Amino acid sequence: MAKKKKTAKRTRVKRGAWTASDLKTLKKLFNNNSTADIAKKLGRALDPVKKKASRLGLRKSKSYMKKLGRGKA
């Protein structure tokens, strides 16, 4: 009898409209936190979080980018 393969546990992600609370959290955290961490906290997929941040004109801070090694010297 063959063993069953374990599958990775998937987490549910929110879909649809952004709540005021979600937007407030996104605006508060975006400039100094990884987008992946924010997506996880909001329970949303990474791409929709990136798109919403872009549409809202949110940018990563210079200090955050420098910490990642992407800032100008």
C-alpha atoms as a PDB file:
ATOM      1  CA  MET A   1       0.000   0.000   0.000  1.00  0.00           C
ATOM      2  CA  ALA A   2       1.488   3.322  -1.077  1.00  0.00           C
ATOM      3  CA  LYS A   3       1.815   6.144   1.394  1.00  0.00           C
ATOM      4  CA  LYS A   4      -0.287   9.218   0.810  1.00  0.00           C
ATOM      5  CA  LYS A   5       1.672  12.282  -0.123  1.00  0.00           C
ATOM      6  CA  LYS A   6       1.386  15.127   2.328  1.00  0.00           C
ATOM      7  CA  THR A   7       0.208  18.292   0.689  1.00  0.00           C
ATOM      8  CA  ALA A   8       1.128  21.754   1.809  1.00  0.00           C
ATOM      9  CA  LYS A   9      -1.536  23.340   3.949  1.00  0.00           C
ATOM     10  CA  ARG A  10      -3.092  26.235   2.074  1.00  0.00           C
ATOM     11  CA  THR A  11      -4.291  29.276   3.879  1.00  0.00           C
ATOM     12  CA  ARG A  12      -7.474  30.979   2.819  1.00  0.00           C
ATOM     13  CA  VAL A  13      -7.066  34.385   1.300  1.00  0.00           C
ATOM     14  CA  LYS A  14      -9.564  37.197   1.246  1.00  0.00           C
ATOM     15  CA  ARG A  15     -11.018  38.247  -2.048  1.00  0.00           C
ATOM     16  CA  GLY A  16     -13.050  41.177  -3.119  1.00  0.00           C
ATOM     17  CA  ALA A  17     -13.512  44.607  -1.630  1.00  0.00           C
ATOM     18  CA  TRP A  18     -10.939  46.109   0.673  1.00  0.00           C
ATOM     19  CA  THR A  19     -12.307  47.162   4.051  1.00  0.00           C
ATOM     20  CA  ALA A  20     -11.408  50.462   5.682  1.00  0.00           C
ATOM     21  CA  SER A  21      -9.482  48.470   8.280  1.00  0.00           C
ATOM     22  CA  ASP A  22      -7.472  46.645   5.572  1.00  0.00           C
ATOM     23  CA  LEU A  23      -6.596  49.939   3.880  1.00  0.00           C
ATOM     24  CA  LYS A  24      -5.558  51.526   7.169  1.00  0.00           C
ATOM     25  CA  THR A  25      -3.288  48.561   7.944  1.00  0.00           C
ATOM     26  CA  LEU A  26      -1.785  48.616   4.453  1.00  0.00           C
ATOM     27  CA  LYS A  27      -1.050  52.349   4.643  1.00  0.00           C
ATOM     28  CA  LYS A  28       0.449  52.030   8.125  1.00  0.00           C
ATOM     29  CA  LEU A  29       2.727  49.073   7.390  1.00  0.00           C
ATOM     30  CA  PHE A  30       3.704  49.412   3.737  1.00  0.00           C
ATOM     31  CA  ASN A  31       6.672  51.764   3.889  1.00  0.00           C
ATOM     32  CA  ASN A  32       8.763  49.761   6.418  1.00  0.00           C
ATOM     33  CA  ASN A  33       7.654  46.122   6.078  1.00  0.00           C
ATOM     34  CA  SER A  34       7.922  43.460   3.418  1.00  0.00           C
ATOM     35  CA  THR A  35       4.929  43.213   1.147  1.00  0.00           C
ATOM     36  CA  ALA A  36       4.796  39.448   1.755  1.00  0.00           C
ATOM     37  CA  ASP A  37       4.494  40.013   5.521  1.00  0.00           C
ATOM     38  CA  ILE A  38       1.732  42.559   5.003  1.00  0.00           C
ATOM     39  CA  ALA A  39      -0.142  40.198   2.670  1.00  0.00           C
ATOM     40  CA  LYS A  40       0.067  37.455   5.279  1.00  0.00           C
ATOM     41  CA  LYS A  41      -1.172  39.789   8.019  1.00  0.00           C
ATOM     42  CA  LEU A  42      -4.098  40.910   5.847  1.00  0.00           C
ATOM     43  CA  GLY A  43      -4.882  37.361   4.748  1.00  0.00           C
ATOM     44  CA  ARG A  44      -4.557  38.326   1.082  1.00  0.00           C
ATOM     45  CA  ALA A  45      -2.424  37.109  -1.793  1.00  0.00           C
ATOM     46  CA  LEU A  46       0.762  39.012  -2.589  1.00  0.00           C
ATOM     47  CA  ASP A  47      -0.204  40.392  -6.021  1.00  0.00           C
ATOM     48  CA  PRO A  48      -3.420  42.130  -4.923  1.00  0.00           C
ATOM     49  CA  VAL A  49      -1.520  43.792  -2.064  1.00  0.00           C
ATOM     50  CA  LYS A  50       1.149  45.040  -4.486  1.00  0.00           C
ATOM     51  CA  LYS A  51      -1.489  46.354  -6.886  1.00  0.00           C
ATOM     52  CA  LYS A  52      -3.510  48.118  -4.188  1.00  0.00           C
ATOM     53  CA  ALA A  53      -0.378  49.760  -2.757  1.00  0.00           C
ATOM     54  CA  SER A  54       0.594  50.943  -6.230  1.00  0.00           C
ATOM     55  CA  ARG A  55      -2.870  52.345  -6.909  1.00  0.00           C
ATOM     56  CA  LEU A  56      -2.762  54.188  -3.589  1.00  0.00           C
ATOM     57  CA  GLY A  57       0.672  55.606  -4.465  1.00  0.00           C
ATOM     58  CA  LEU A  58       2.391  53.917  -1.516  1.00  0.00           C
ATOM     59  CA  ARG A  59       6.178  53.592  -1.633  1.00  0.00           C
ATOM     60  CA  LYS A  60       8.782  51.822   0.487  1.00  0.00           C
ATOM     61  CA  SER A  61      10.846  54.180   2.639  1.00  0.00           C
ATOM     62  CA  LYS A  62      14.433  55.007   1.694  1.00  0.00           C
ATOM     63  CA  SER A  63      15.681  53.498   4.965  1.00  0.00           C
ATOM     64  CA  TYR A  64      13.819  50.237   4.284  1.00  0.00           C
ATOM     65  CA  MET A  65      15.236  50.013   0.763  1.00  0.00           C
ATOM     66  CA  LYS A  66      18.739  50.740   2.076  1.00  0.00           C
ATOM     67  CA  LYS A  67      18.311  47.959   4.640  1.00  0.00           C
ATOM     68  CA  LEU A  68      17.547  45.604   1.739  1.00  0.00           C
ATOM     69  CA  GLY A  69      20.677  46.765  -0.046  1.00  0.00           C
ATOM     70  CA  ARG A  70      18.742  48.635  -2.719  1.00  0.00           C
ATOM     71  CA  GLY A  71      19.312  52.152  -1.463  1.00  0.00           C
ATOM     72  CA  LYS A  72      21.738  54.557  -3.023  1.00  0.00           C
ATOM     73  CA  ALA A  73      25.046  54.914  -1.223  1.00  0.00           C
END
